[in-house]
Amino acid sequence: MEFSAYQFTSASLSKRIESITKELPDESESKTILAQLFGFIDLTTLEATDNENSITDFCNRALAYKQLGHTVAALCIYSPFVEQVKRLMKDSGIDVATVACGFPSGQMPLDLKLAEVRFAVDSGADEVDMVISRGKFLQGKHHEVFDEIKAVKENCGEAHLKVILETGELETVANIRKACEIALLAGADFLKTSTGKVQPAATTEATLIMLDTIKEYYEKTGLKIGIKPAGGIADPATAFQYYQLVKVVLGEEWLNKSLFRIGASRLADKVLDELND
């Protein structure tokens, strides 16, 4: 399929964002939305110091939330811990996600990227968050980026594929739009903004470009693709903005964990605090 020419500039996107997010929900509605948002969180730890003990504590944190009546969508960890997390979270209803393809740089030969994906899937990953090669993209090697995403998708088996664009390094509206198009056509199940390792990470502008592209793709194909802003979303007020963007651009049918995720490590506790006020 062919996408239409994208007409929005940074200035016009900013005006749309201001219009869409200017009205915050009232107190009664905010509690309902906060509960929804909690269920969209991919609780994440991607630290060099992660180890078996810290990952056990991480899983216990998610299980403690569940005992309080709130369940995150997924736990996102490095691939060596997938098998451990899968075992500890058995029957919890919480998916196990992992990052792949030379995360966070994307600088890895394709055969090694695919081997990493197969390792993650064989270990039990329900979801794979792959990062694209921004170096190749910025050099104009768009066909190579497409081929890599397509190959990764083919090696995911039943696991869902989230494609991380690292929009902070793509910089321009045109680049982010083009990366969205490539990822969708190559088979992404989700578009994800960021690794969380680069600044800026998630932004409302990049997310709006992604939402517009997902909407056009849906209108032309009937296929619903998910959206995952990730990185720097640390408080409920910021999360509300992304919720509102998804609701207005794509509609309430996208407001479920199958189509909307928020990548966060700090957000969950703050959402719970506000829910318990």
Protein backbone atom coordinates (compact mmCIF):
# COMPACT_ATOMS: atom_id res chain seq x y z
CA MET A 1 0.00 0.00 0.00
CA GLU A 2 1.00 3.63 -0.46
CA PHE A 3 0.76 6.13 2.36
CA SER A 4 -0.43 9.66 1.66
CA ALA A 5 1.94 12.62 1.90
CA TYR A 6 2.19 13.73 5.52
CA GLN A 7 1.18 17.36 5.76
CA PHE A 8 1.93 18.17 9.40
CA THR A 9 4.90 20.21 10.62
CA SER A 10 6.27 20.44 14.15
CA ALA A 11 4.33 23.68 14.63
CA SER A 12 1.01 22.23 13.47
CA LEU A 13 1.58 19.06 15.51
CA SER A 14 2.19 21.19 18.61
CA LYS A 15 -1.10 23.02 18.07
CA ARG A 16 -2.97 19.72 17.71
CA ILE A 17 -1.36 18.34 20.85
CA GLU A 18 -2.25 21.45 22.83
CA SER A 19 -5.85 21.22 21.66
CA ILE A 20 -6.17 17.50 22.38
CA THR A 21 -4.51 17.51 25.82
CA LYS A 22 -5.63 20.85 27.26
CA GLU A 23 -8.58 19.37 29.15
CA LEU A 24 -7.73 17.00 31.96
CA PRO A 25 -10.42 14.63 33.27
CA ASP A 26 -12.40 15.59 36.36
CA GLU A 27 -11.70 13.83 39.65
CA SER A 28 -14.32 11.11 39.25
CA GLU A 29 -13.25 10.25 35.71
CA SER A 30 -9.55 10.39 36.53
CA LYS A 31 -9.75 7.43 38.90
CA THR A 32 -11.26 5.28 36.17
CA ILE A 33 -8.60 6.36 33.68
CA LEU A 34 -5.81 5.80 36.19
CA ALA A 35 -7.00 2.24 36.76
CA GLN A 36 -7.00 1.72 32.99
CA LEU A 37 -3.54 3.22 32.62
CA PHE A 38 -2.13 0.92 35.27
CA GLY A 39 -3.30 -2.04 33.20
CA PHE A 40 -1.47 -0.64 30.14
CA ILE A 41 1.96 -0.44 31.83
CA ASP A 42 4.86 -2.55 30.64
CA LEU A 43 6.72 -2.56 33.96
CA THR A 44 10.33 -2.39 32.91
CA THR A 45 13.83 -2.98 34.23
CA LEU A 46 16.67 -2.76 31.70
CA GLU A 47 19.73 -2.09 33.82
CA ALA A 48 23.26 -3.44 33.50
CA THR A 49 23.05 -4.41 37.17
CA ASP A 50 19.96 -6.63 36.75
CA ASN A 51 20.56 -10.10 38.18
CA GLU A 52 18.57 -13.14 39.29
CA ASN A 53 17.92 -11.70 42.76
CA SER A 54 16.83 -8.28 41.54
CA ILE A 55 14.62 -9.86 38.88
CA THR A 56 12.92 -12.00 41.56
CA ASP A 57 12.25 -8.81 43.53
CA PHE A 58 10.93 -7.20 40.35
CA CYS A 59 8.50 -10.06 39.77
CA ASN A 60 7.39 -9.94 43.41
CA ARG A 61 6.66 -6.25 42.96
CA ALA A 62 4.31 -7.03 40.07
CA LEU A 63 2.65 -9.84 42.04
CA ALA A 64 2.16 -7.50 45.00
CA TYR A 65 0.34 -5.06 42.72
CA LYS A 66 -1.87 -7.91 41.57
CA GLN A 67 -2.75 -8.78 45.16
CA LEU A 68 -3.92 -5.20 45.55
CA GLY A 69 -6.22 -5.67 42.55
CA HIS A 70 -4.09 -3.97 39.90
CA THR A 71 -2.32 -5.90 37.14
CA VAL A 72 0.25 -4.47 34.75
CA ALA A 73 0.17 -5.61 31.12
CA ALA A 74 3.68 -7.05 30.93
CA LEU A 75 7.10 -7.23 32.51
CA CYS A 76 9.90 -6.12 30.19
CA ILE A 77 13.39 -7.44 30.93
CA TYR A 78 16.61 -8.43 29.20
CA SER A 79 16.47 -11.78 27.41
CA PRO A 80 18.66 -13.79 29.85
CA PHE A 81 15.89 -13.38 32.43
CA VAL A 82 12.92 -14.38 30.26
CA GLU A 83 12.85 -17.99 31.43
CA GLN A 84 13.05 -16.95 35.08
CA VAL A 85 10.29 -14.35 34.75
CA LYS A 86 8.11 -16.73 32.75
CA ARG A 87 8.36 -19.24 35.59
CA LEU A 88 7.75 -16.77 38.40
CA MET A 89 4.81 -15.09 36.62
CA LYS A 90 3.09 -18.34 35.59
CA ASP A 91 -0.72 -18.04 35.65
CA SER A 92 -0.51 -14.35 36.62
CA GLY A 93 -2.05 -13.08 33.38
CA ILE A 94 0.99 -10.82 32.94
CA ASP A 95 2.92 -11.16 29.68
CA VAL A 96 6.69 -11.44 29.48
CA ALA A 97 8.38 -9.00 27.11
CA THR A 98 12.03 -8.62 26.22
CA VAL A 99 14.20 -6.31 24.15
CA ALA A 100 16.22 -7.56 21.21
CA CYS A 101 18.26 -6.78 18.09
CA GLY A 102 21.26 -5.16 19.72
CA PHE A 103 19.25 -3.06 22.17
CA PRO A 104 19.66 -0.14 22.60
CA SER A 105 21.97 0.74 19.67
CA GLY A 106 20.73 -1.68 17.02
CA GLN A 107 24.34 -2.12 15.95
CA MET A 108 24.50 -5.87 15.44
CA PRO A 109 24.67 -8.10 12.33
CA LEU A 110 21.29 -9.39 11.25
CA ASP A 111 22.09 -13.06 11.81
CA LEU A 112 22.95 -12.29 15.43
CA LYS A 113 19.79 -10.21 15.82
CA LEU A 114 17.71 -13.12 14.60
CA ALA A 115 19.56 -15.54 16.88
CA GLU A 116 18.78 -13.23 19.82
CA VAL A 117 15.10 -13.14 18.86
CA ARG A 118 14.92 -16.92 18.56
CA PHE A 119 16.62 -17.28 21.95
CA ALA A 120 14.04 -14.96 23.53
CA VAL A 121 11.10 -16.73 21.94
CA ASP A 122 12.47 -20.18 22.80
CA SER A 123 12.86 -18.97 26.39
CA GLY A 124 9.15 -18.13 26.49
CA ALA A 125 8.89 -14.45 25.59
CA ASP A 126 5.33 -13.39 24.72
CA GLU A 127 6.52 -10.11 23.22
CA VAL A 128 9.71 -8.93 21.55
CA ASP A 129 10.62 -5.23 21.50
CA MET A 130 13.14 -4.85 18.68
CA VAL A 131 15.09 -1.68 18.03
CA ILE A 132 15.73 -0.60 14.45
CA SER A 133 19.16 0.36 13.12
CA ARG A 134 18.99 4.15 13.13
CA GLY A 135 22.40 4.26 11.48
CA LYS A 136 21.09 2.44 8.43
CA PHE A 137 17.89 4.46 8.42
CA LEU A 138 19.66 7.81 8.57
CA GLN A 139 22.00 6.69 5.78
CA GLY A 140 18.92 6.15 3.61
CA LYS A 141 19.08 2.35 3.64
CA HIS A 142 15.35 2.08 4.16
CA HIS A 143 15.02 -1.23 2.32
CA GLU A 144 17.55 -2.81 4.67
CA VAL A 145 15.63 -1.57 7.70
CA PHE A 146 12.42 -2.99 6.18
CA ASP A 147 14.09 -6.34 5.48
CA GLU A 148 15.43 -6.56 9.03
CA ILE A 149 12.03 -5.89 10.61
CA LYS A 150 10.38 -8.40 8.28
CA ALA A 151 12.97 -11.06 9.13
CA VAL A 152 12.59 -10.42 12.85
CA LYS A 153 8.82 -10.72 12.56
CA GLU A 154 9.21 -14.05 10.78
CA ASN A 155 11.40 -15.29 13.65
CA CYS A 156 9.01 -14.17 16.39
CA GLY A 157 6.68 -17.11 15.96
CA GLU A 158 3.61 -16.46 18.12
CA ALA A 159 5.27 -13.60 20.01
CA HIS A 160 4.07 -10.06 19.28
CA LEU A 161 6.61 -7.69 17.76
CA LYS A 162 7.00 -4.13 19.01
CA VAL A 163 9.27 -2.04 16.79
CA ILE A 164 11.24 0.65 18.64
CA LEU A 165 11.94 3.60 16.35
CA GLU A 166 14.08 5.61 18.80
CA THR A 167 12.37 8.78 17.64
CA GLY A 168 14.74 11.05 19.57
CA GLU A 169 17.50 10.10 17.13
CA LEU A 170 15.31 10.34 14.02
CA GLU A 171 14.67 14.00 14.92
CA THR A 172 12.50 15.21 12.02
CA VAL A 173 8.81 14.79 11.35
CA ALA A 174 9.58 13.29 7.94
CA ASN A 175 12.01 10.73 9.38
CA ILE A 176 9.63 9.60 12.10
CA ARG A 177 6.79 9.29 9.60
CA LYS A 178 8.96 7.26 7.22
CA ALA A 179 10.15 4.93 9.99
CA CYS A 180 6.52 4.34 10.99
CA GLU A 181 5.59 3.44 7.43
CA ILE A 182 8.51 1.01 7.09
CA ALA A 183 7.70 -0.72 10.38
CA LEU A 184 4.01 -1.12 9.60
CA LEU A 185 4.60 -2.47 6.12
CA ALA A 186 7.24 -4.89 7.46
CA GLY A 187 4.81 -6.45 9.93
CA ALA A 188 5.05 -4.63 13.27
CA ASP A 189 2.33 -5.44 15.80
CA PHE A 190 3.16 -2.29 17.79
CA LEU A 191 5.05 0.93 17.17
CA LYS A 192 7.16 2.01 20.15
CA THR A 193 8.82 5.40 20.56
CA SER A 194 12.00 4.78 22.44
CA THR A 195 14.48 2.57 24.25
CA GLY A 196 14.49 4.88 27.25
CA LYS A 197 18.28 5.11 26.87
CA VAL A 198 18.31 8.19 24.60
CA GLN A 199 17.08 11.74 25.20
CA PRO A 200 14.56 12.83 24.23
CA ALA A 201 12.70 9.58 24.82
CA ALA A 202 8.92 9.52 24.37
CA THR A 203 7.43 12.81 23.18
CA THR A 204 3.86 13.70 22.42
CA GLU A 205 4.90 14.99 18.98
CA ALA A 206 6.53 11.71 17.93
CA THR A 207 3.60 9.76 19.35
CA LEU A 208 1.09 11.84 17.41
CA ILE A 209 2.97 11.14 14.16
CA MET A 210 2.89 7.44 15.01
CA LEU A 211 -0.83 7.56 15.82
CA ASP A 212 -1.63 9.34 12.55
CA THR A 213 0.28 6.68 10.62
CA ILE A 214 -1.41 3.82 12.48
CA LYS A 215 -4.79 5.41 11.77
CA GLU A 216 -4.11 5.71 8.03
CA TYR A 217 -2.82 2.13 7.93
CA TYR A 218 -5.99 0.91 9.67
CA GLU A 219 -8.22 2.87 7.31
CA LYS A 220 -6.50 1.32 4.28
CA THR A 221 -5.99 -2.24 5.53
CA GLY A 222 -8.42 -2.85 8.39
CA LEU A 223 -5.45 -3.95 10.56
CA LYS A 224 -5.16 -2.53 14.07
CA ILE A 225 -1.59 -1.82 15.18
CA GLY A 226 -0.69 -0.99 18.77
CA ILE A 227 1.13 2.02 20.15
CA LYS A 228 3.69 2.16 22.97
CA PRO A 229 5.17 5.44 24.17
CA ALA A 230 8.13 4.57 26.39
CA GLY A 231 10.83 6.43 28.27
CA GLY A 232 10.39 9.36 30.63
CA ILE A 233 6.70 8.83 31.38
CA ALA A 234 7.06 8.99 35.14
CA ASP A 235 3.89 10.63 36.44
CA PRO A 236 0.12 10.28 35.92
CA ALA A 237 -0.28 13.76 34.41
CA THR A 238 2.11 12.86 31.59
CA ALA A 239 0.46 9.47 31.11
CA PHE A 240 -2.92 11.22 30.82
CA GLN A 241 -1.61 13.17 27.83
CA TYR A 242 -0.72 10.00 25.95
CA TYR A 243 -4.04 8.41 26.91
CA GLN A 244 -5.88 11.42 25.51
CA LEU A 245 -3.90 11.37 22.26
CA VAL A 246 -4.72 7.70 21.69
CA LYS A 247 -8.38 8.22 22.57
CA VAL A 248 -8.86 11.20 20.26
CA VAL A 249 -6.82 10.00 17.26
CA LEU A 250 -7.60 6.28 17.25
CA GLY A 251 -10.71 6.04 19.39
CA GLU A 252 -11.76 4.17 22.51
CA GLU A 253 -11.36 0.79 20.79
CA TRP A 254 -7.58 1.28 21.15
CA LEU A 255 -7.86 1.79 24.92
CA ASN A 256 -6.95 -1.75 25.90
CA LYS A 257 -3.69 -3.54 26.63
CA SER A 258 -3.78 -5.35 23.29
CA LEU A 259 -3.31 -2.03 21.47
CA PHE A 260 -1.96 0.50 23.97
CA ARG A 261 1.03 0.15 26.27
CA ILE A 262 3.15 2.55 28.27
CA GLY A 263 6.76 1.61 28.93
CA ALA A 264 7.63 2.72 32.44
CA SER A 265 9.55 1.77 35.56
CA ARG A 266 8.45 4.58 37.89
CA LEU A 267 4.87 5.24 36.84
CA ALA A 268 3.12 2.32 38.53
CA ASP A 269 3.73 3.40 42.14
CA LYS A 270 2.66 6.97 41.41
CA VAL A 271 -0.56 5.80 39.74
CA LEU A 272 -1.31 3.61 42.76
CA ASP A 273 -0.68 6.52 45.10
CA GLU A 274 -3.27 8.61 43.28
CA LEU A 275 -5.73 5.74 43.11
CA ASN A 276 -5.45 5.30 46.88
CA ASP A 277 -5.85 9.01 47.74
